[in-house]
Protein backbone atom coordinates (compact mmCIF):
# COMPACT_ATOMS: atom_id res chain seq x y z
CA MET A 1 -131.64 -10.72 -77.93
CA ALA A 2 -129.98 -14.03 -78.06
CA THR A 3 -127.46 -14.57 -75.32
CA PHE A 4 -123.85 -15.08 -76.35
CA ILE A 5 -120.64 -16.15 -74.67
CA THR A 6 -117.78 -13.68 -74.66
CA GLU A 7 -114.09 -14.41 -75.14
CA GLU A 8 -113.67 -14.32 -71.36
CA CYS A 9 -115.08 -17.88 -71.28
CA ILE A 10 -112.83 -20.22 -69.29
CA ASN A 11 -114.32 -23.36 -70.91
CA CYS A 12 -115.61 -24.73 -67.61
CA GLY A 13 -118.69 -26.21 -69.31
CA ALA A 14 -121.10 -25.23 -66.52
CA CYS A 15 -123.50 -23.60 -68.98
CA GLU A 16 -123.97 -26.40 -71.48
CA PRO A 17 -126.14 -28.79 -69.42
CA GLU A 18 -128.26 -25.91 -68.09
CA CYS A 19 -129.63 -24.84 -71.48
CA PRO A 20 -133.22 -26.05 -71.96
CA ASN A 21 -132.85 -25.71 -75.75
CA THR A 22 -129.52 -27.49 -76.26
CA ALA A 23 -128.21 -24.24 -77.76
CA ILE A 24 -124.77 -24.31 -76.11
CA TYR A 25 -121.84 -26.22 -77.55
CA ALA A 26 -118.15 -26.65 -76.71
CA GLY A 27 -115.68 -24.79 -78.87
CA GLY A 28 -114.98 -26.69 -82.07
CA ALA A 29 -118.07 -28.89 -81.76
CA GLN A 30 -120.53 -28.94 -84.64
CA TYR A 31 -124.10 -28.03 -83.79
CA GLU A 32 -127.44 -29.42 -84.89
CA LEU A 33 -130.28 -27.23 -86.12
CA ASN A 34 -133.47 -28.55 -87.72
CA GLY A 35 -131.91 -31.94 -88.32
CA GLN A 36 -128.80 -30.57 -90.05
CA MET A 37 -125.24 -30.32 -88.75
CA PHE A 38 -123.29 -27.06 -88.97
CA ASP A 39 -119.69 -26.05 -88.30
CA ALA A 40 -118.85 -24.60 -84.90
CA LEU A 41 -119.43 -20.89 -84.37
CA SER A 42 -116.30 -20.79 -82.20
CA ASN A 43 -113.29 -23.05 -82.09
CA ASP A 44 -111.84 -21.55 -78.92
CA PHE A 45 -114.62 -21.46 -76.33
CA TYR A 46 -118.22 -22.46 -75.69
CA TYR A 47 -120.80 -20.77 -77.89
CA ILE A 48 -124.57 -20.34 -78.14
CA VAL A 49 -126.45 -20.93 -81.39
CA PRO A 50 -128.62 -17.79 -81.71
CA GLU A 51 -131.36 -19.59 -83.64
CA LYS A 52 -131.81 -21.97 -80.69
CA CYS A 53 -131.51 -19.44 -77.87
CA THR A 54 -134.73 -18.23 -76.25
CA GLU A 55 -133.04 -16.48 -73.31
CA CYS A 56 -134.88 -19.20 -71.37
CA VAL A 57 -138.22 -17.43 -72.01
CA GLY A 58 -140.97 -19.97 -71.44
CA HIS A 59 -138.73 -22.03 -69.16
CA PHE A 60 -137.15 -19.81 -66.49
CA ASN A 61 -137.13 -16.20 -65.30
CA GLN A 62 -133.45 -15.74 -66.14
CA GLU A 63 -130.95 -17.19 -68.57
CA GLN A 64 -129.69 -20.35 -66.96
CA CYS A 65 -126.28 -20.14 -68.64
CA ALA A 66 -125.72 -16.71 -67.10
CA ALA A 67 -126.95 -17.92 -63.71
CA VAL A 68 -124.25 -20.62 -63.50
CA CYS A 69 -121.38 -18.87 -65.31
CA PRO A 70 -118.51 -18.27 -62.86
CA VAL A 71 -117.01 -15.45 -64.94
CA ASP A 72 -120.21 -13.71 -66.12
CA CYS A 73 -119.46 -14.18 -69.82
CA CYS A 74 -123.00 -15.17 -70.88
CA VAL A 75 -124.47 -11.83 -71.86
CA PRO A 76 -127.23 -10.42 -74.10
CA ASP A 77 -126.12 -9.91 -77.69
CA PRO A 78 -126.81 -6.26 -78.56
CA ASN A 79 -126.60 -7.16 -82.26
CA ARG A 80 -129.61 -9.51 -82.00
CA PRO A 81 -132.48 -7.68 -80.29
CA GLU A 82 -135.52 -9.93 -79.98
CA THR A 83 -138.84 -9.46 -78.25
CA GLU A 84 -140.31 -11.68 -75.58
CA GLU A 85 -142.94 -12.79 -78.11
CA VAL A 86 -140.32 -13.87 -80.68
CA LEU A 87 -138.36 -15.78 -78.03
CA PHE A 88 -141.48 -17.49 -76.70
CA GLU A 89 -142.58 -18.54 -80.18
CA ARG A 90 -139.11 -19.97 -80.79
CA ALA A 91 -139.32 -21.94 -77.54
CA LYS A 92 -142.67 -23.41 -78.60
CA LYS A 93 -141.26 -24.33 -82.02
CA ILE A 94 -138.18 -25.98 -80.49
CA HIS A 95 -140.32 -27.93 -77.99
CA PRO A 96 -143.62 -28.75 -79.77
CA GLU A 97 -144.25 -31.56 -77.28
CA LYS A 98 -144.14 -29.27 -74.24
CA PRO A 99 -147.27 -27.56 -72.92
CA PHE A 100 -146.07 -24.04 -72.12
CA SER A 101 -147.79 -21.94 -69.47
CA ALA A 102 -148.64 -18.30 -70.10
CA LEU A 103 -145.65 -16.04 -69.62
CA SER A 104 -145.19 -14.76 -66.09
CA ALA A 105 -142.48 -13.68 -63.66
CA GLU A 106 -141.81 -17.41 -63.18
CA ASN A 107 -140.84 -18.15 -66.79
CA SER A 108 -139.80 -14.90 -68.43
CA ARG A 109 -137.17 -12.33 -67.48
CA PHE A 110 -139.35 -9.73 -69.23
CA LYS A 111 -142.02 -10.07 -66.50
CA LYS A 112 -139.79 -9.37 -63.49
């Protein structure tokens, strides 16, 4: 599942710099995907672009946005179930220059 930010967001901005995929944007800000710009998914609070979210699989053992969120509003989106394999493939596509290690408890929440 992609992670999403609920309406409880207080717009503190702690999550944005923590995302290894640059998937988090301030409310009202356009986002970039595959070289194209798109309108904001939320005008009121920070949001996560689902097509860029890997739940930090391949990078960390937990979603970094959720780890730093002071109000626990970065949560799994039950409407977008995705497997570890799908998320890892997305991470590799987003970061073709990065040599990814095999998935383990160090870089995937699925391996805990």
